[in-house]
Amino acid sequence: MTTPSKTEIAKMIDHSLLHPTMNDQALKEGIELAKSYHVASVCIKPYAVKMAADMLQGSDVMVCTVVGFPHGNSRVDVKVFETERAIDDGAVEIDMVVNTGKVLSEDWEYVYEEIAAIVGV
């Protein structure tokens, strides 16, 4: 077994910029940090996807965002809209929070259909 290089390790990291108190300056600094280390992706607040995509254009760092964050309580059609908008803004990875209440209710058909709707986008 060989020890992975710093580059290989960096490509396993999704740099999360989701804390609710992060302002635009902190987001920009986080994007630049991710870019400098060539991490796999920046997972950023949905409103900042376009900014991240613009800042990372030409780099090897992908843009990720979240839908239904943080509790998964949005309606499925809202999550679909969020996903479509994120892709339009430049996201190439979507992390979705499934409806926690439906999971706790063991409503697996709902959860399956919710995931399928997002994957379909």
PDB file of N, CA and C in Angstrom:
ATOM      1  N   MET A   1       0.843  -1.180   0.000  1.00  0.00           N
ATOM      2  CA  MET A   1       0.000   0.000   0.000  1.00  0.00           C
ATOM      3  C   MET A   1       0.886   1.241   0.000  1.00  0.00           C
ATOM      4  N   THR A   2       0.631   2.131  -0.929  1.00  0.00           N
ATOM      5  CA  THR A   2       1.414   3.363  -1.004  1.00  0.00           C
ATOM      6  C   THR A   2       0.683   4.505  -0.305  1.00  0.00           C
ATOM      7  N   THR A   3       1.457   5.406   0.209  1.00  0.00           N
ATOM      8  CA  THR A   3       0.896   6.584   0.854  1.00  0.00           C
ATOM      9  C   THR A   3       0.410   7.545  -0.218  1.00  0.00           C
ATOM     10  N   PRO A   4      -0.839   8.021  -0.097  1.00  0.00           N
ATOM     11  CA  PRO A   4      -1.339   8.951  -1.111  1.00  0.00           C
ATOM     12  C   PRO A   4      -0.583  10.278  -1.054  1.00  0.00           C
ATOM     13  N   SER A   5      -0.471  10.905  -2.202  1.00  0.00           N
ATOM     14  CA  SER A   5       0.190  12.209  -2.278  1.00  0.00           C
ATOM     15  C   SER A   5      -0.743  13.290  -1.740  1.00  0.00           C
ATOM     16  N   LYS A   6      -0.195  14.466  -1.500  1.00  0.00           N
ATOM     17  CA  LYS A   6      -1.015  15.594  -1.044  1.00  0.00           C
ATOM     18  C   LYS A   6      -2.099  15.908  -2.063  1.00  0.00           C
ATOM     19  N   THR A   7      -1.763  15.815  -3.329  1.00  0.00           N
ATOM     20  CA  THR A   7      -2.735  16.080  -4.392  1.00  0.00           C
ATOM     21  C   THR A   7      -3.863  15.054  -4.366  1.00  0.00           C
ATOM     22  N   GLU A   8      -3.523  13.789  -4.180  1.00  0.00           N
ATOM     23  CA  GLU A   8      -4.551  12.742  -4.116  1.00  0.00           C
ATOM     24  C   GLU A   8      -5.464  12.942  -2.904  1.00  0.00           C
ATOM     25  N   ILE A   9      -4.880  13.347  -1.800  1.00  0.00           N
ATOM     26  CA  ILE A   9      -5.685  13.609  -0.606  1.00  0.00           C
ATOM     27  C   ILE A   9      -6.589  14.816  -0.839  1.00  0.00           C
ATOM     28  N   ALA A  10      -6.039  15.870  -1.415  1.00  0.00           N
ATOM     29  CA  ALA A  10      -6.833  17.080  -1.684  1.00  0.00           C
ATOM     30  C   ALA A  10      -8.031  16.765  -2.561  1.00  0.00           C
ATOM     31  N   LYS A  11      -7.874  15.874  -3.514  1.00  0.00           N
ATOM     32  CA  LYS A  11      -8.968  15.525  -4.427  1.00  0.00           C
ATOM     33  C   LYS A  11     -10.039  14.665  -3.758  1.00  0.00           C
ATOM     34  N   MET A  12      -9.850  14.350  -2.480  1.00  0.00           N
ATOM     35  CA  MET A  12     -10.867  13.641  -1.701  1.00  0.00           C
ATOM     36  C   MET A  12     -11.660  14.603  -0.815  1.00  0.00           C
ATOM     37  N   ILE A  13     -11.340  15.883  -0.879  1.00  0.00           N
ATOM     38  CA  ILE A  13     -11.925  16.861   0.028  1.00  0.00           C
ATOM     39  C   ILE A  13     -12.963  17.725  -0.686  1.00  0.00           C
ATOM     40  N   ASP A  14     -14.151  17.814  -0.074  1.00  0.00           N
ATOM     41  CA  ASP A  14     -15.158  18.790  -0.468  1.00  0.00           C
ATOM     42  C   ASP A  14     -15.085  19.896   0.579  1.00  0.00           C
ATOM     43  N   HIS A  15     -14.630  21.070   0.172  1.00  0.00           N
ATOM     44  CA  HIS A  15     -14.471  22.188   1.101  1.00  0.00           C
ATOM     45  C   HIS A  15     -15.838  22.833   1.329  1.00  0.00           C
ATOM     46  N   SER A  16     -16.362  22.694   2.541  1.00  0.00           N
ATOM     47  CA  SER A  16     -17.702  23.159   2.860  1.00  0.00           C
ATOM     48  C   SER A  16     -17.692  24.616   3.298  1.00  0.00           C
ATOM     49  N   LEU A  17     -18.521  25.406   2.614  1.00  0.00           N
ATOM     50  CA  LEU A  17     -18.684  26.821   2.944  1.00  0.00           C
ATOM     51  C   LEU A  17     -20.168  27.093   3.191  1.00  0.00           C
ATOM     52  N   LEU A  18     -20.728  26.407   4.167  1.00  0.00           N
ATOM     53  CA  LEU A  18     -22.167  26.432   4.395  1.00  0.00           C
ATOM     54  C   LEU A  18     -22.588  27.066   5.718  1.00  0.00           C
ATOM     55  N   HIS A  19     -21.651  27.433   6.549  1.00  0.00           N
ATOM     56  CA  HIS A  19     -22.030  27.969   7.860  1.00  0.00           C
ATOM     57  C   HIS A  19     -22.908  29.209   7.672  1.00  0.00           C
ATOM     58  N   PRO A  20     -24.017  29.307   8.399  1.00  0.00           N
ATOM     59  CA  PRO A  20     -24.951  30.406   8.168  1.00  0.00           C
ATOM     60  C   PRO A  20     -24.391  31.797   8.421  1.00  0.00           C
ATOM     61  N   THR A  21     -23.323  31.909   9.199  1.00  0.00           N
ATOM     62  CA  THR A  21     -22.785  33.243   9.480  1.00  0.00           C
ATOM     63  C   THR A  21     -21.678  33.651   8.509  1.00  0.00           C
ATOM     64  N   MET A  22     -21.344  32.791   7.558  1.00  0.00           N
ATOM     65  CA  MET A  22     -20.300  33.158   6.595  1.00  0.00           C
ATOM     66  C   MET A  22     -20.828  34.241   5.660  1.00  0.00           C
ATOM     67  N   ASN A  23     -20.117  35.381   5.632  1.00  0.00           N
ATOM     68  CA  ASN A  23     -20.502  36.452   4.727  1.00  0.00           C
ATOM     69  C   ASN A  23     -19.806  36.259   3.377  1.00  0.00           C
ATOM     70  N   ASP A  24     -20.089  37.148   2.429  1.00  0.00           N
ATOM     71  CA  ASP A  24     -19.537  36.985   1.088  1.00  0.00           C
ATOM     72  C   ASP A  24     -18.007  37.002   1.077  1.00  0.00           C
ATOM     73  N   GLN A  25     -17.409  37.835   1.911  1.00  0.00           N
ATOM     74  CA  GLN A  25     -15.946  37.878   1.960  1.00  0.00           C
ATOM     75  C   GLN A  25     -15.382  36.543   2.430  1.00  0.00           C
ATOM     76  N   ALA A  26     -15.987  35.961   3.448  1.00  0.00           N
ATOM     77  CA  ALA A  26     -15.539  34.652   3.941  1.00  0.00           C
ATOM     78  C   ALA A  26     -15.716  33.584   2.862  1.00  0.00           C
ATOM     79  N   LEU A  27     -16.812  33.655   2.117  1.00  0.00           N
ATOM     80  CA  LEU A  27     -17.030  32.698   1.031  1.00  0.00           C
ATOM     81  C   LEU A  27     -15.949  32.837  -0.039  1.00  0.00           C
ATOM     82  N   LYS A  28     -15.652  34.066  -0.417  1.00  0.00           N
ATOM     83  CA  LYS A  28     -14.617  34.307  -1.436  1.00  0.00           C
ATOM     84  C   LYS A  28     -13.258  33.784  -0.956  1.00  0.00           C
ATOM     85  N   GLU A  29     -12.934  34.041   0.295  1.00  0.00           N
ATOM     86  CA  GLU A  29     -11.670  33.550   0.845  1.00  0.00           C
ATOM     87  C   GLU A  29     -11.643  32.022   0.858  1.00  0.00           C
ATOM     88  N   GLY A  30     -12.755  31.407   1.203  1.00  0.00           N
ATOM     89  CA  GLY A  30     -12.845  29.949   1.201  1.00  0.00           C
ATOM     90  C   GLY A  30     -12.699  29.360  -0.192  1.00  0.00           C
ATOM     91  N   ILE A  31     -13.285  30.018  -1.171  1.00  0.00           N
ATOM     92  CA  ILE A  31     -13.156  29.571  -2.559  1.00  0.00           C
ATOM     93  C   ILE A  31     -11.703  29.661  -3.003  1.00  0.00           C
ATOM     94  N   GLU A  32     -11.060  30.754  -2.692  1.00  0.00           N
ATOM     95  CA  GLU A  32      -9.646  30.915  -3.069  1.00  0.00           C
ATOM     96  C   GLU A  32      -8.767  29.876  -2.371  1.00  0.00           C
ATOM     97  N   LEU A  33      -9.068  29.589  -1.119  1.00  0.00           N
ATOM     98  CA  LEU A  33      -8.311  28.572  -0.387  1.00  0.00           C
ATOM     99  C   LEU A  33      -8.477  27.210  -1.058  1.00  0.00           C
ATOM    100  N   ALA A  34      -9.701  26.867  -1.379  1.00  0.00           N
ATOM    101  CA  ALA A  34      -9.974  25.588  -2.049  1.00  0.00           C
ATOM    102  C   ALA A  34      -9.246  25.509  -3.381  1.00  0.00           C
ATOM    103  N   LYS A  35      -9.257  26.604  -4.098  1.00  0.00           N
ATOM    104  CA  LYS A  35      -8.581  26.668  -5.401  1.00  0.00           C
ATOM    105  C   LYS A  35      -7.073  26.479  -5.241  1.00  0.00           C
ATOM    106  N   SER A  36      -6.509  27.086  -4.209  1.00  0.00           N
ATOM    107  CA  SER A  36      -5.058  26.992  -4.003  1.00  0.00           C
ATOM    108  C   SER A  36      -4.608  25.582  -3.641  1.00  0.00           C
ATOM    109  N   TYR A  37      -5.491  24.816  -2.994  1.00  0.00           N
ATOM    110  CA  TYR A  37      -5.150  23.444  -2.613  1.00  0.00           C
ATOM    111  C   TYR A  37      -5.669  22.403  -3.609  1.00  0.00           C
ATOM    112  N   HIS A  38      -6.404  22.862  -4.625  1.00  0.00           N
ATOM    113  CA  HIS A  38      -6.928  21.956  -5.665  1.00  0.00           C
ATOM    114  C   HIS A  38      -7.785  20.842  -5.081  1.00  0.00           C
ATOM    115  N   VAL A  39      -8.680  21.218  -4.146  1.00  0.00           N
ATOM    116  CA  VAL A  39      -9.572  20.219  -3.576  1.00  0.00           C
ATOM    117  C   VAL A  39     -10.571  19.753  -4.631  1.00  0.00           C
ATOM    118  N   ALA A  40     -11.336  18.726  -4.304  1.00  0.00           N
ATOM    119  CA  ALA A  40     -12.302  18.186  -5.268  1.00  0.00           C
ATOM    120  C   ALA A  40     -13.395  19.197  -5.584  1.00  0.00           C
ATOM    121  N   SER A  41     -13.976  19.788  -4.538  1.00  0.00           N
ATOM    122  CA  SER A  41     -15.069  20.732  -4.780  1.00  0.00           C
ATOM    123  C   SER A  41     -15.210  21.718  -3.635  1.00  0.00           C
ATOM    124  N   VAL A  42     -15.933  22.775  -3.938  1.00  0.00           N
ATOM    125  CA  VAL A  42     -16.389  23.734  -2.943  1.00  0.00           C
ATOM    126  C   VAL A  42     -17.880  23.520  -2.814  1.00  0.00           C
ATOM    127  N   CYS A  43     -18.350  23.191  -1.613  1.00  0.00           N
ATOM    128  CA  CYS A  43     -19.781  23.050  -1.375  1.00  0.00           C
ATOM    129  C   CYS A  43     -20.239  24.358  -0.744  1.00  0.00           C
ATOM    130  N   ILE A  44     -21.023  25.102  -1.509  1.00  0.00           N
ATOM    131  CA  ILE A  44     -21.326  26.480  -1.135  1.00  0.00           C
ATOM    132  C   ILE A  44     -22.821  26.714  -1.035  1.00  0.00           C
ATOM    133  N   LYS A  45     -23.197  27.751  -0.316  1.00  0.00           N
ATOM    134  CA  LYS A  45     -24.595  28.127  -0.170  1.00  0.00           C
ATOM    135  C   LYS A  45     -25.208  28.347  -1.551  1.00  0.00           C
ATOM    136  N   PRO A  46     -26.457  27.971  -1.725  1.00  0.00           N
ATOM    137  CA  PRO A  46     -27.067  28.072  -3.055  1.00  0.00           C
ATOM    138  C   PRO A  46     -27.000  29.458  -3.694  1.00  0.00           C
ATOM    139  N   TYR A  47     -27.159  30.513  -2.919  1.00  0.00           N
ATOM    140  CA  TYR A  47     -27.141  31.841  -3.527  1.00  0.00           C
ATOM    141  C   TYR A  47     -25.780  32.211  -4.093  1.00  0.00           C
ATOM    142  N   ALA A  48     -24.724  31.525  -3.656  1.00  0.00           N
ATOM    143  CA  ALA A  48     -23.365  31.868  -4.066  1.00  0.00           C
ATOM    144  C   ALA A  48     -22.792  30.924  -5.124  1.00  0.00           C
ATOM    145  N   VAL A  49     -23.619  30.040  -5.670  1.00  0.00           N
ATOM    146  CA  VAL A  49     -23.125  29.096  -6.678  1.00  0.00           C
ATOM    147  C   VAL A  49     -22.539  29.831  -7.877  1.00  0.00           C
ATOM    148  N   LYS A  50     -23.238  30.821  -8.389  1.00  0.00           N
ATOM    149  CA  LYS A  50     -22.761  31.559  -9.572  1.00  0.00           C
ATOM    150  C   LYS A  50     -21.420  32.216  -9.279  1.00  0.00           C
ATOM    151  N   MET A  51     -21.290  32.839  -8.122  1.00  0.00           N
ATOM    152  CA  MET A  51     -20.031  33.476  -7.734  1.00  0.00           C
ATOM    153  C   MET A  51     -18.907  32.435  -7.693  1.00  0.00           C
ATOM    154  N   ALA A  52     -19.175  31.294  -7.084  1.00  0.00           N
ATOM    155  CA  ALA A  52     -18.160  30.243  -6.988  1.00  0.00           C
ATOM    156  C   ALA A  52     -17.796  29.717  -8.365  1.00  0.00           C
ATOM    157  N   ALA A  53     -18.795  29.502  -9.213  1.00  0.00           N
ATOM    158  CA  ALA A  53     -18.526  29.001 -10.569  1.00  0.00           C
ATOM    159  C   ALA A  53     -17.662  29.986 -11.347  1.00  0.00           C
ATOM    160  N   ASP A  54     -17.960  31.271 -11.203  1.00  0.00           N
ATOM    161  CA  ASP A  54     -17.155  32.294 -11.885  1.00  0.00           C
ATOM    162  C   ASP A  54     -15.721  32.308 -11.355  1.00  0.00           C
ATOM    163  N   MET A  55     -15.574  32.236 -10.035  1.00  0.00           N
ATOM    164  CA  MET A  55     -14.236  32.287  -9.439  1.00  0.00           C
ATOM    165  C   MET A  55     -13.420  31.036  -9.744  1.00  0.00           C
ATOM    166  N   LEU A  56     -14.091  29.907  -9.939  1.00  0.00           N
ATOM    167  CA  LEU A  56     -13.386  28.633 -10.150  1.00  0.00           C
ATOM    168  C   LEU A  56     -13.274  28.254 -11.627  1.00  0.00           C
ATOM    169  N   GLN A  57     -13.799  29.102 -12.495  1.00  0.00           N
ATOM    170  CA  GLN A  57     -13.737  28.811 -13.925  1.00  0.00           C
ATOM    171  C   GLN A  57     -12.278  28.605 -14.352  1.00  0.00           C
ATOM    172  N   GLY A  58     -12.028  27.521 -15.077  1.00  0.00           N
ATOM    173  CA  GLY A  58     -10.678  27.211 -15.535  1.00  0.00           C
ATOM    174  C   GLY A  58      -9.836  26.453 -14.522  1.00  0.00           C
ATOM    175  N   SER A  59     -10.370  26.253 -13.317  1.00  0.00           N
ATOM    176  CA  SER A  59      -9.628  25.505 -12.302  1.00  0.00           C
ATOM    177  C   SER A  59     -10.097  24.052 -12.317  1.00  0.00           C
ATOM    178  N   ASP A  60      -9.476  23.242 -11.488  1.00  0.00           N
ATOM    179  CA  ASP A  60      -9.864  21.834 -11.376  1.00  0.00           C
ATOM    180  C   ASP A  60     -10.773  21.578 -10.171  1.00  0.00           C
ATOM    181  N   VAL A  61     -11.323  22.639  -9.595  1.00  0.00           N
ATOM    182  CA  VAL A  61     -12.205  22.530  -8.441  1.00  0.00           C
ATOM    183  C   VAL A  61     -13.655  22.653  -8.914  1.00  0.00           C
ATOM    184  N   MET A  62     -14.477  21.678  -8.549  1.00  0.00           N
ATOM    185  CA  MET A  62     -15.887  21.688  -8.940  1.00  0.00           C
ATOM    186  C   MET A  62     -16.718  22.481  -7.945  1.00  0.00           C
ATOM    187  N   VAL A  63     -17.913  22.869  -8.389  1.00  0.00           N
ATOM    188  CA  VAL A  63     -18.850  23.583  -7.529  1.00  0.00           C
ATOM    189  C   VAL A  63     -19.971  22.636  -7.122  1.00  0.00           C
ATOM    190  N   CYS A  64     -20.209  22.581  -5.834  1.00  0.00           N
ATOM    191  CA  CYS A  64     -21.262  21.764  -5.241  1.00  0.00           C
ATOM    192  C   CYS A  64     -22.162  22.702  -4.438  1.00  0.00           C
ATOM    193  N   THR A  65     -23.422  22.339  -4.323  1.00  0.00           N
ATOM    194  CA  THR A  65     -24.314  23.069  -3.427  1.00  0.00           C
ATOM    195  C   THR A  65     -25.300  22.098  -2.810  1.00  0.00           C
ATOM    196  N   VAL A  66     -26.137  22.632  -1.952  1.00  0.00           N
ATOM    197  CA  VAL A  66     -27.099  21.814  -1.222  1.00  0.00           C
ATOM    198  C   VAL A  66     -28.518  22.223  -1.596  1.00  0.00           C
ATOM    199  N   VAL A  67     -29.424  21.248  -1.551  1.00  0.00           N
ATOM    200  CA  VAL A  67     -30.847  21.536  -1.691  1.00  0.00           C
ATOM    201  C   VAL A  67     -31.563  20.905  -0.502  1.00  0.00           C
ATOM    202  N   GLY A  68     -32.614  21.601  -0.061  1.00  0.00           N
ATOM    203  CA  GLY A  68     -33.340  21.118   1.107  1.00  0.00           C
ATOM    204  C   GLY A  68     -32.552  21.253   2.385  1.00  0.00           C
ATOM    205  N   PHE A  69     -31.560  22.103   2.377  1.00  0.00           N
ATOM    206  CA  PHE A  69     -30.641  22.242   3.508  1.00  0.00           C
ATOM    207  C   PHE A  69     -31.227  23.206   4.532  1.00  0.00           C
ATOM    208  N   PRO A  70     -31.140  22.952   5.806  1.00  0.00           N
ATOM    209  CA  PRO A  70     -30.407  21.871   6.446  1.00  0.00           C
ATOM    210  C   PRO A  70     -31.257  20.688   6.904  1.00  0.00           C
ATOM    211  N   HIS A  71     -32.591  20.807   6.868  1.00  0.00           N
ATOM    212  CA  HIS A  71     -33.412  19.764   7.479  1.00  0.00           C
ATOM    213  C   HIS A  71     -34.209  18.904   6.501  1.00  0.00           C
ATOM    214  N   GLY A  72     -34.202  19.258   5.219  1.00  0.00           N
ATOM    215  CA  GLY A  72     -34.895  18.458   4.220  1.00  0.00           C
ATOM    216  C   GLY A  72     -36.393  18.659   4.174  1.00  0.00           C
ATOM    217  N   ASN A  73     -36.895  19.718   4.799  1.00  0.00           N
ATOM    218  CA  ASN A  73     -38.337  19.893   4.925  1.00  0.00           C
ATOM    219  C   ASN A  73     -39.017  20.558   3.735  1.00  0.00           C
ATOM    220  N   SER A  74     -38.267  20.983   2.739  1.00  0.00           N
ATOM    221  CA  SER A  74     -38.871  21.610   1.564  1.00  0.00           C
ATOM    222  C   SER A  74     -39.694  20.596   0.785  1.00  0.00           C
ATOM    223  N   ARG A  75     -40.697  21.100   0.068  1.00  0.00           N
ATOM    224  CA  ARG A  75     -41.464  20.240  -0.826  1.00  0.00           C
ATOM    225  C   ARG A  75     -40.563  19.743  -1.946  1.00  0.00           C
ATOM    226  N   VAL A  76     -40.935  18.623  -2.539  1.00  0.00           N
ATOM    227  CA  VAL A  76     -40.133  18.035  -3.611  1.00  0.00           C
ATOM    228  C   VAL A  76     -40.016  19.003  -4.783  1.00  0.00           C
ATOM    229  N   ASP A  77     -41.101  19.668  -5.171  1.00  0.00           N
ATOM    230  CA  ASP A  77     -41.022  20.585  -6.309  1.00  0.00           C
ATOM    231  C   ASP A  77     -40.088  21.758  -6.019  1.00  0.00           C
ATOM    232  N   VAL A  78     -39.993  22.147  -4.771  1.00  0.00           N
ATOM    233  CA  VAL A  78     -39.052  23.214  -4.394  1.00  0.00           C
ATOM    234  C   VAL A  78     -37.618  22.708  -4.518  1.00  0.00           C
ATOM    235  N   LYS A  79     -37.378  21.483  -4.090  1.00  0.00           N
ATOM    236  CA  LYS A  79     -36.037  20.898  -4.221  1.00  0.00           C
ATOM    237  C   LYS A  79     -35.660  20.738  -5.690  1.00  0.00           C
ATOM    238  N   VAL A  80     -36.621  20.368  -6.509  1.00  0.00           N
ATOM    239  CA  VAL A  80     -36.365  20.258  -7.951  1.00  0.00           C
ATOM    240  C   VAL A  80     -35.988  21.625  -8.508  1.00  0.00           C
ATOM    241  N   PHE A  81     -36.738  22.660  -8.148  1.00  0.00           N
ATOM    242  CA  PHE A  81     -36.435  24.014  -8.605  1.00  0.00           C
ATOM    243  C   PHE A  81     -35.045  24.451  -8.141  1.00  0.00           C
ATOM    244  N   GLU A  82     -34.752  24.202  -6.865  1.00  0.00           N
ATOM    245  CA  GLU A  82     -33.419  24.548  -6.337  1.00  0.00           C
ATOM    246  C   GLU A  82     -32.323  23.860  -7.152  1.00  0.00           C
ATOM    247  N   THR A  83     -32.541  22.602  -7.473  1.00  0.00           N
ATOM    248  CA  THR A  83     -31.557  21.826  -8.229  1.00  0.00           C
ATOM    249  C   THR A  83     -31.378  22.400  -9.626  1.00  0.00           C
ATOM    250  N   GLU A  84     -32.487  22.680 -10.296  1.00  0.00           N
ATOM    251  CA  GLU A  84     -32.410  23.257 -11.645  1.00  0.00           C
ATOM    252  C   GLU A  84     -31.670  24.585 -11.632  1.00  0.00           C
ATOM    253  N   ARG A  85     -31.987  25.414 -10.663  1.00  0.00           N
ATOM    254  CA  ARG A  85     -31.345  26.725 -10.566  1.00  0.00           C
ATOM    255  C   ARG A  85     -29.850  26.588 -10.280  1.00  0.00           C
ATOM    256  N   ALA A  86     -29.505  25.673  -9.389  1.00  0.00           N
ATOM    257  CA  ALA A  86     -28.096  25.457  -9.047  1.00  0.00           C
ATOM    258  C   ALA A  86     -27.303  25.002 -10.263  1.00  0.00           C
ATOM    259  N   ILE A  87     -27.878  24.093 -11.037  1.00  0.00           N
ATOM    260  CA  ILE A  87     -27.199  23.629 -12.251  1.00  0.00           C
ATOM    261  C   ILE A  87     -27.047  24.778 -13.236  1.00  0.00           C
ATOM    262  N   ASP A  88     -28.104  25.569 -13.410  1.00  0.00           N
ATOM    263  CA  ASP A  88     -28.027  26.735 -14.296  1.00  0.00           C
ATOM    264  C   ASP A  88     -26.940  27.706 -13.857  1.00  0.00           C
ATOM    265  N   ASP A  89     -26.727  27.812 -12.546  1.00  0.00           N
ATOM    266  CA  ASP A  89     -25.718  28.738 -12.005  1.00  0.00           C
ATOM    267  C   ASP A  89     -24.303  28.167 -12.033  1.00  0.00           C
ATOM    268  N   GLY A  90     -24.162  26.865 -12.342  1.00  0.00           N
ATOM    269  CA  GLY A  90     -22.825  26.300 -12.477  1.00  0.00           C
ATOM    270  C   GLY A  90     -22.478  25.164 -11.545  1.00  0.00           C
ATOM    271  N   ALA A  91     -23.403  24.711 -10.728  1.00  0.00           N
ATOM    272  CA  ALA A  91     -23.109  23.578  -9.843  1.00  0.00           C
ATOM    273  C   ALA A  91     -23.025  22.293 -10.660  1.00  0.00           C
ATOM    274  N   VAL A  92     -22.059  21.467 -10.332  1.00  0.00           N
ATOM    275  CA  VAL A  92     -21.917  20.164 -11.002  1.00  0.00           C
ATOM    276  C   VAL A  92     -22.150  19.008 -10.030  1.00  0.00           C
ATOM    277  N   GLU A  93     -22.331  19.338  -8.768  1.00  0.00           N
ATOM    278  CA  GLU A  93     -22.659  18.339  -7.756  1.00  0.00           C
ATOM    279  C   GLU A  93     -23.742  18.920  -6.867  1.00  0.00           C
ATOM    280  N   ILE A  94     -24.744  18.093  -6.571  1.00  0.00           N
ATOM    281  CA  ILE A  94     -25.845  18.507  -5.707  1.00  0.00           C
ATOM    282  C   ILE A  94     -25.897  17.553  -4.517  1.00  0.00           C
ATOM    283  N   ASP A  95     -25.885  18.121  -3.320  1.00  0.00           N
ATOM    284  CA  ASP A  95     -26.081  17.346  -2.102  1.00  0.00           C
ATOM    285  C   ASP A  95     -27.477  17.675  -1.592  1.00  0.00           C
ATOM    286  N   MET A  96     -28.348  16.672  -1.527  1.00  0.00           N
ATOM    287  CA  MET A  96     -29.715  16.903  -1.094  1.00  0.00           C
ATOM    288  C   MET A  96     -29.937  16.308   0.293  1.00  0.00           C
ATOM    289  N   VAL A  97     -30.659  17.059   1.112  1.00  0.00           N
ATOM    290  CA  VAL A  97     -31.086  16.549   2.399  1.00  0.00           C
ATOM    291  C   VAL A  97     -32.492  15.993   2.197  1.00  0.00           C
ATOM    292  N   VAL A  98     -32.653  14.698   2.418  1.00  0.00           N
ATOM    293  CA  VAL A  98     -33.980  14.105   2.283  1.00  0.00           C
ATOM    294  C   VAL A  98     -34.866  14.567   3.428  1.00  0.00           C
ATOM    295  N   ASN A  99     -36.163  14.417   3.261  1.00  0.00           N
ATOM    296  CA  ASN A  99     -37.124  14.824   4.262  1.00  0.00           C
ATOM    297  C   ASN A  99     -36.972  13.939   5.507  1.00  0.00           C
ATOM    298  N   THR A 100     -36.440  14.525   6.551  1.00  0.00           N
ATOM    299  CA  THR A 100     -36.151  13.786   7.782  1.00  0.00           C
ATOM    300  C   THR A 100     -37.403  13.197   8.401  1.00  0.00           C
ATOM    301  N   GLY A 101     -38.478  13.952   8.380  1.00  0.00           N
ATOM    302  CA  GLY A 101     -39.730  13.451   8.943  1.00  0.00           C
ATOM    303  C   GLY A 101     -40.229  12.209   8.220  1.00  0.00           C
ATOM    304  N   LYS A 102     -40.047  12.188   6.895  1.00  0.00           N
ATOM    305  CA  LYS A 102     -40.468  11.015   6.119  1.00  0.00           C
ATOM    306  C   LYS A 102     -39.566   9.817   6.419  1.00  0.00           C
ATOM    307  N   VAL A 103     -38.297  10.064   6.641  1.00  0.00           N
ATOM    308  CA  VAL A 103     -37.387   8.972   7.023  1.00  0.00           C
ATOM    309  C   VAL A 103     -37.793   8.418   8.382  1.00  0.00           C
ATOM    310  N   LEU A 104     -38.034   9.308   9.336  1.00  0.00           N
ATOM    311  CA  LEU A 104     -38.426   8.864  10.672  1.00  0.00           C
ATOM    312  C   LEU A 104     -39.781   8.152  10.660  1.00  0.00           C
ATOM    313  N   SER A 105     -40.624   8.513   9.694  1.00  0.00           N
ATOM    314  CA  SER A 105     -41.922   7.838   9.530  1.00  0.00           C
ATOM    315  C   SER A 105     -41.798   6.553   8.719  1.00  0.00           C
ATOM    316  N   GLU A 106     -40.593   6.294   8.238  1.00  0.00           N
ATOM    317  CA  GLU A 106     -40.309   5.129   7.396  1.00  0.00           C
ATOM    318  C   GLU A 106     -41.173   5.118   6.138  1.00  0.00           C
ATOM    319  N   ASP A 107     -41.409   6.297   5.595  1.00  0.00           N
ATOM    320  CA  ASP A 107     -42.153   6.433   4.344  1.00  0.00           C
ATOM    321  C   ASP A 107     -41.146   6.350   3.194  1.00  0.00           C
ATOM    322  N   TRP A 108     -40.650   5.160   2.965  1.00  0.00           N
ATOM    323  CA  TRP A 108     -39.558   4.940   2.014  1.00  0.00           C
ATOM    324  C   TRP A 108     -39.973   5.233   0.575  1.00  0.00           C
ATOM    325  N   GLU A 109     -41.242   5.058   0.254  1.00  0.00           N
ATOM    326  CA  GLU A 109     -41.705   5.382  -1.104  1.00  0.00           C
ATOM    327  C   GLU A 109     -41.542   6.879  -1.367  1.00  0.00           C
ATOM    328  N   TYR A 110     -41.939   7.705  -0.392  1.00  0.00           N
ATOM    329  CA  TYR A 110     -41.771   9.152  -0.526  1.00  0.00           C
ATOM    330  C   TYR A 110     -40.288   9.502  -0.693  1.00  0.00           C
ATOM    331  N   VAL A 111     -39.453   8.934   0.168  1.00  0.00           N
ATOM    332  CA  VAL A 111     -38.017   9.224   0.127  1.00  0.00           C
ATOM    333  C   VAL A 111     -37.433   8.806  -1.226  1.00  0.00           C
ATOM    334  N   TYR A 112     -37.802   7.628  -1.698  1.00  0.00           N
ATOM    335  CA  TYR A 112     -37.324   7.143  -2.993  1.00  0.00           C
ATOM    336  C   TYR A 112     -37.749   8.099  -4.110  1.00  0.00           C
ATOM    337  N   GLU A 113     -39.019   8.485  -4.110  1.00  0.00           N
ATOM    338  CA  GLU A 113     -39.527   9.371  -5.159  1.00  0.00           C
ATOM    339  C   GLU A 113     -38.874  10.750  -5.084  1.00  0.00           C
ATOM    340  N   GLU A 114     -38.591  11.210  -3.873  1.00  0.00           N
ATOM    341  CA  GLU A 114     -37.922  12.511  -3.690  1.00  0.00           C
ATOM    342  C   GLU A 114     -36.510  12.444  -4.295  1.00  0.00           C
ATOM    343  N   ILE A 115     -35.787  11.400  -3.983  1.00  0.00           N
ATOM    344  CA  ILE A 115     -34.433  11.240  -4.523  1.00  0.00           C
ATOM    345  C   ILE A 115     -34.492  11.092  -6.036  1.00  0.00           C
ATOM    346  N   ALA A 116     -35.426  10.284  -6.537  1.00  0.00           N
ATOM    347  CA  ALA A 116     -35.564  10.072  -7.980  1.00  0.00           C
ATOM    348  C   ALA A 116     -35.865  11.384  -8.701  1.00  0.00           C
ATOM    349  N   ALA A 117     -36.654  12.247  -8.098  1.00  0.00           N
ATOM    350  CA  ALA A 117     -36.983  13.536  -8.726  1.00  0.00           C
ATOM    351  C   ALA A 117     -35.735  14.405  -8.890  1.00  0.00           C
ATOM    352  N   ILE A 118     -34.876  14.391  -7.902  1.00  0.00           N
ATOM    353  CA  ILE A 118     -33.641  15.187  -7.980  1.00  0.00           C
ATOM    354  C   ILE A 118     -32.665  14.558  -8.955  1.00  0.00           C
ATOM    355  N   VAL A 119     -32.516  13.250  -8.905  1.00  0.00           N
ATOM    356  CA  VAL A 119     -31.630  12.561  -9.846  1.00  0.00           C
ATOM    357  C   VAL A 119     -32.112  12.799 -11.280  1.00  0.00           C
ATOM    358  N   GLY A 120     -33.427  12.857 -11.460  1.00  0.00           N
ATOM    359  CA  GLY A 120     -33.990  13.096 -12.785  1.00  0.00           C
ATOM    360  C   GLY A 120     -33.619  14.438 -13.380  1.00  0.00           C
ATOM    361  N   VAL A 121     -33.348  15.404 -12.530  1.00  0.00           N
ATOM    362  CA  VAL A 121     -32.944  16.731 -13.003  1.00  0.00           C
ATOM    363  C   VAL A 121     -31.533  16.638 -13.561  1.00  0.00           C
TER     364      VAL A 121
END
